Each structure stands twice: as C-alpha cells, then as structure tokens.
Amino acid sequence: MGNLLYTIAVILVIIWAIGFFGYHAGGIIHILLIIAVIAILLKVIRRAD
C-alpha cells in the first residue's frame, strides 16, 4: 500500500508540473498538488514509525 501511495504522489506531481508549465487549468492543478503532497507526507510519516 505504501508503494502505491508513493507512485500516485509522483504521478500527481508530474501531472501538476505539466499542467502548471504547459497550460493553466485553474484550481484543479493545485488540488492535485495538494493531494500529492499529502500522500508524500503520509508515506514519510508511516515510514518513520
């Protein structure tokens, strides 16, 4: 499950970067970034336990 969260987070960051630099799609790109950051933080916190 942890690898899945990390993979999803990486994909979301890539999508955000493409959307941010390629075209401006409004708030949805920033929501994807927030979800990706939360997923990465959850991965780091769970790994520390």
PDB file of N, CA and C in Angstrom:
ATOM      1  N   MET A   1       0.829  -1.202   0.000  1.00  0.00           N
ATOM      2  CA  MET A   1       0.000   0.000   0.000  1.00  0.00           C
ATOM      3  C   MET A   1       0.866   1.256   0.000  1.00  0.00           C
ATOM      4  N   GLY A   2       2.002   1.199   0.675  1.00  0.00           N
ATOM      5  CA  GLY A   2       2.884   2.364   0.736  1.00  0.00           C
ATOM      6  C   GLY A   2       3.467   2.717  -0.619  1.00  0.00           C
ATOM      7  N   ASN A   3       3.866   1.682  -1.377  1.00  0.00           N
ATOM      8  CA  ASN A   3       4.411   1.938  -2.709  1.00  0.00           C
ATOM      9  C   ASN A   3       3.353   2.538  -3.620  1.00  0.00           C
ATOM     10  N   LEU A   4       2.110   2.116  -3.447  1.00  0.00           N
ATOM     11  CA  LEU A   4       1.016   2.653  -4.259  1.00  0.00           C
ATOM     12  C   LEU A   4       0.813   4.138  -3.972  1.00  0.00           C
ATOM     13  N   LEU A   5       0.850   4.522  -2.700  1.00  0.00           N
ATOM     14  CA  LEU A   5       0.704   5.940  -2.339  1.00  0.00           C
ATOM     15  C   LEU A   5       1.839   6.771  -2.933  1.00  0.00           C
ATOM     16  N   TYR A   6       3.046   6.242  -2.850  1.00  0.00           N
ATOM     17  CA  TYR A   6       4.194   6.965  -3.381  1.00  0.00           C
ATOM     18  C   TYR A   6       4.079   7.118  -4.898  1.00  0.00           C
ATOM     19  N   THR A   7       3.668   6.056  -5.570  1.00  0.00           N
ATOM     20  CA  THR A   7       3.507   6.101  -7.023  1.00  0.00           C
ATOM     21  C   THR A   7       2.449   7.113  -7.427  1.00  0.00           C
ATOM     22  N   ILE A   8       1.321   7.099  -6.730  1.00  0.00           N
ATOM     23  CA  ILE A   8       0.256   8.061  -7.017  1.00  0.00           C
ATOM     24  C   ILE A   8       0.744   9.488  -6.785  1.00  0.00           C
ATOM     25  N   ALA A   9       1.486   9.691  -5.712  1.00  0.00           N
ATOM     26  CA  ALA A   9       2.002  11.029  -5.416  1.00  0.00           C
ATOM     27  C   ALA A   9       2.935  11.509  -6.520  1.00  0.00           C
ATOM     28  N   VAL A  10       3.811  10.639  -6.983  1.00  0.00           N
ATOM     29  CA  VAL A  10       4.745  11.020  -8.048  1.00  0.00           C
ATOM     30  C   VAL A  10       3.984  11.345  -9.334  1.00  0.00           C
ATOM     31  N   ILE A  11       3.002  10.528  -9.662  1.00  0.00           N
ATOM     32  CA  ILE A  11       2.204  10.783 -10.868  1.00  0.00           C
ATOM     33  C   ILE A  11       1.470  12.114 -10.757  1.00  0.00           C
ATOM     34  N   LEU A  12       0.913  12.398  -9.592  1.00  0.00           N
ATOM     35  CA  LEU A  12       0.192  13.658  -9.413  1.00  0.00           C
ATOM     36  C   LEU A  12       1.129  14.861  -9.516  1.00  0.00           C
ATOM     37  N   VAL A  13       2.330  14.735  -8.985  1.00  0.00           N
ATOM     38  CA  VAL A  13       3.297  15.837  -9.099  1.00  0.00           C
ATOM     39  C   VAL A  13       3.678  16.054 -10.561  1.00  0.00           C
ATOM     40  N   ILE A  14       3.865  14.973 -11.306  1.00  0.00           N
ATOM     41  CA  ILE A  14       4.194  15.103 -12.730  1.00  0.00           C
ATOM     42  C   ILE A  14       3.046  15.764 -13.486  1.00  0.00           C
ATOM     43  N   ILE A  15       1.816  15.330 -13.214  1.00  0.00           N
ATOM     44  CA  ILE A  15       0.650  15.930 -13.864  1.00  0.00           C
ATOM     45  C   ILE A  15       0.545  17.412 -13.517  1.00  0.00           C
ATOM     46  N   TRP A  16       0.808  17.724 -12.239  1.00  0.00           N
ATOM     47  CA  TRP A  16       0.753  19.125 -11.828  1.00  0.00           C
ATOM     48  C   TRP A  16       1.805  19.944 -12.566  1.00  0.00           C
ATOM     49  N   ALA A  17       3.018  19.412 -12.677  1.00  0.00           N
ATOM     50  CA  ALA A  17       4.090  20.151 -13.341  1.00  0.00           C
ATOM     51  C   ALA A  17       3.751  20.382 -14.816  1.00  0.00           C
ATOM     52  N   ILE A  18       3.221  19.356 -15.471  1.00  0.00           N
ATOM     53  CA  ILE A  18       2.829  19.503 -16.880  1.00  0.00           C
ATOM     54  C   ILE A  18       1.721  20.546 -17.003  1.00  0.00           C
ATOM     55  N   GLY A  19       0.750  20.466 -16.127  1.00  0.00           N
ATOM     56  CA  GLY A  19      -0.360  21.416 -16.170  1.00  0.00           C
ATOM     57  C   GLY A  19       0.069  22.827 -15.830  1.00  0.00           C
ATOM     58  N   PHE A  20       0.984  22.952 -14.888  1.00  0.00           N
ATOM     59  CA  PHE A  20       1.421  24.274 -14.455  1.00  0.00           C
ATOM     60  C   PHE A  20       2.256  24.957 -15.534  1.00  0.00           C
ATOM     61  N   PHE A  21       3.139  24.189 -16.160  1.00  0.00           N
ATOM     62  CA  PHE A  21       4.026  24.790 -17.154  1.00  0.00           C
ATOM     63  C   PHE A  21       3.441  24.730 -18.565  1.00  0.00           C
ATOM     64  N   GLY A  22       2.586  23.749 -18.843  1.00  0.00           N
ATOM     65  CA  GLY A  22       2.038  23.586 -20.179  1.00  0.00           C
ATOM     66  C   GLY A  22       0.827  24.465 -20.430  1.00  0.00           C
ATOM     67  N   TYR A  23      -0.094  24.454 -19.528  1.00  0.00           N
ATOM     68  CA  TYR A  23      -1.298  25.266 -19.663  1.00  0.00           C
ATOM     69  C   TYR A  23      -1.852  25.522 -18.264  1.00  0.00           C
ATOM     70  N   HIS A  24      -2.677  26.527 -18.157  1.00  0.00           N
ATOM     71  CA  HIS A  24      -3.201  26.883 -16.844  1.00  0.00           C
ATOM     72  C   HIS A  24      -4.641  26.395 -16.744  1.00  0.00           C
ATOM     73  N   ALA A  25      -4.852  25.317 -15.989  1.00  0.00           N
ATOM     74  CA  ALA A  25      -6.170  24.684 -15.912  1.00  0.00           C
ATOM     75  C   ALA A  25      -6.947  25.128 -14.676  1.00  0.00           C
ATOM     76  N   GLY A  26      -6.496  26.158 -14.024  1.00  0.00           N
ATOM     77  CA  GLY A  26      -7.233  26.652 -12.868  1.00  0.00           C
ATOM     78  C   GLY A  26      -6.913  25.892 -11.595  1.00  0.00           C
ATOM     79  N   GLY A  27      -7.906  25.785 -10.726  1.00  0.00           N
ATOM     80  CA  GLY A  27      -7.709  25.226  -9.394  1.00  0.00           C
ATOM     81  C   GLY A  27      -7.459  23.735  -9.356  1.00  0.00           C
ATOM     82  N   ILE A  28      -7.850  23.016 -10.389  1.00  0.00           N
ATOM     83  CA  ILE A  28      -7.718  21.558 -10.343  1.00  0.00           C
ATOM     84  C   ILE A  28      -6.259  21.130 -10.243  1.00  0.00           C
ATOM     85  N   ILE A  29      -5.371  21.848 -10.878  1.00  0.00           N
ATOM     86  CA  ILE A  29      -3.949  21.505 -10.831  1.00  0.00           C
ATOM     87  C   ILE A  29      -3.425  21.672  -9.406  1.00  0.00           C
ATOM     88  N   HIS A  30      -3.850  22.711  -8.741  1.00  0.00           N
ATOM     89  CA  HIS A  30      -3.386  22.948  -7.380  1.00  0.00           C
ATOM     90  C   HIS A  30      -3.971  21.928  -6.408  1.00  0.00           C
ATOM     91  N   ILE A  31      -5.179  21.483  -6.665  1.00  0.00           N
ATOM     92  CA  ILE A  31      -5.769  20.425  -5.841  1.00  0.00           C
ATOM     93  C   ILE A  31      -4.963  19.134  -6.003  1.00  0.00           C
ATOM     94  N   LEU A  32      -4.555  18.822  -7.237  1.00  0.00           N
ATOM     95  CA  LEU A  32      -3.717  17.647  -7.467  1.00  0.00           C
ATOM     96  C   LEU A  32      -2.399  17.761  -6.716  1.00  0.00           C
ATOM     97  N   LEU A  33      -1.812  18.949  -6.712  1.00  0.00           N
ATOM     98  CA  LEU A  33      -0.562  19.154  -5.985  1.00  0.00           C
ATOM     99  C   LEU A  33      -0.752  18.923  -4.494  1.00  0.00           C
ATOM    100  N   ILE A  34      -1.820  19.439  -3.934  1.00  0.00           N
ATOM    101  CA  ILE A  34      -2.083  19.267  -2.509  1.00  0.00           C
ATOM    102  C   ILE A  34      -2.259  17.791  -2.173  1.00  0.00           C
ATOM    103  N   ILE A  35      -2.998  17.061  -3.011  1.00  0.00           N
ATOM    104  CA  ILE A  35      -3.185  15.629  -2.783  1.00  0.00           C
ATOM    105  C   ILE A  35      -1.847  14.902  -2.839  1.00  0.00           C
ATOM    106  N   ALA A  36      -1.005  15.263  -3.796  1.00  0.00           N
ATOM    107  CA  ALA A  36       0.307  14.628  -3.930  1.00  0.00           C
ATOM    108  C   ALA A  36       1.176  14.899  -2.707  1.00  0.00           C
ATOM    109  N   VAL A  37       1.183  16.136  -2.233  1.00  0.00           N
ATOM    110  CA  VAL A  37       1.988  16.483  -1.064  1.00  0.00           C
ATOM    111  C   VAL A  37       1.492  15.728   0.169  1.00  0.00           C
ATOM    112  N   ILE A  38       0.186  15.626   0.341  1.00  0.00           N
ATOM    113  CA  ILE A  38      -0.376  14.883   1.471  1.00  0.00           C
ATOM    114  C   ILE A  38       0.024  13.411   1.395  1.00  0.00           C
ATOM    115  N   ALA A  39      -0.037  12.835   0.192  1.00  0.00           N
ATOM    116  CA  ALA A  39       0.342  11.428   0.031  1.00  0.00           C
ATOM    117  C   ALA A  39       1.812  11.210   0.371  1.00  0.00           C
ATOM    118  N   ILE A  40       2.674  12.136  -0.059  1.00  0.00           N
ATOM    119  CA  ILE A  40       4.101  12.024   0.258  1.00  0.00           C
ATOM    120  C   ILE A  40       4.329  12.146   1.754  1.00  0.00           C
ATOM    121  N   LEU A  41       3.656  13.100   2.391  1.00  0.00           N
ATOM    122  CA  LEU A  41       3.802  13.267   3.835  1.00  0.00           C
ATOM    123  C   LEU A  41       3.330  12.031   4.594  1.00  0.00           C
ATOM    124  N   LEU A  42       2.216  11.443   4.164  1.00  0.00           N
ATOM    125  CA  LEU A  42       1.745  10.213   4.804  1.00  0.00           C
ATOM    126  C   LEU A  42       2.769   9.099   4.663  1.00  0.00           C
ATOM    127  N   LYS A  43       3.399   9.007   3.504  1.00  0.00           N
ATOM    128  CA  LYS A  43       4.419   7.987   3.271  1.00  0.00           C
ATOM    129  C   LYS A  43       5.606   8.193   4.213  1.00  0.00           C
ATOM    130  N   VAL A  44       6.048   9.432   4.341  1.00  0.00           N
ATOM    131  CA  VAL A  44       7.191   9.738   5.199  1.00  0.00           C
ATOM    132  C   VAL A  44       6.849   9.475   6.661  1.00  0.00           C
ATOM    133  N   ILE A  45       5.663   9.863   7.093  1.00  0.00           N
ATOM    134  CA  ILE A  45       5.260   9.674   8.479  1.00  0.00           C
ATOM    135  C   ILE A  45       5.140   8.184   8.801  1.00  0.00           C
ATOM    136  N   ARG A  46       4.550   7.418   7.902  1.00  0.00           N
ATOM    137  CA  ARG A  46       4.396   5.983   8.141  1.00  0.00           C
ATOM    138  C   ARG A  46       5.724   5.260   8.121  1.00  0.00           C
ATOM    139  N   ARG A  47       6.665   5.727   7.323  1.00  0.00           N
ATOM    140  CA  ARG A  47       7.983   5.110   7.277  1.00  0.00           C
ATOM    141  C   ARG A  47       8.750   5.367   8.572  1.00  0.00           C
ATOM    142  N   ALA A  48       8.518   6.527   9.202  1.00  0.00           N
ATOM    143  CA  ALA A  48       9.222   6.901  10.437  1.00  0.00           C
ATOM    144  C   ALA A  48       8.778   6.064  11.630  1.00  0.00           C
ATOM    145  N   ASP A  49       7.569   5.500  11.566  1.00  0.00           N
ATOM    146  CA  ASP A  49       7.060   4.730  12.697  1.00  0.00           C
ATOM    147  C   ASP A  49       7.775   3.433  12.889  1.00  0.00           C
TER     148      ASP A  49
END
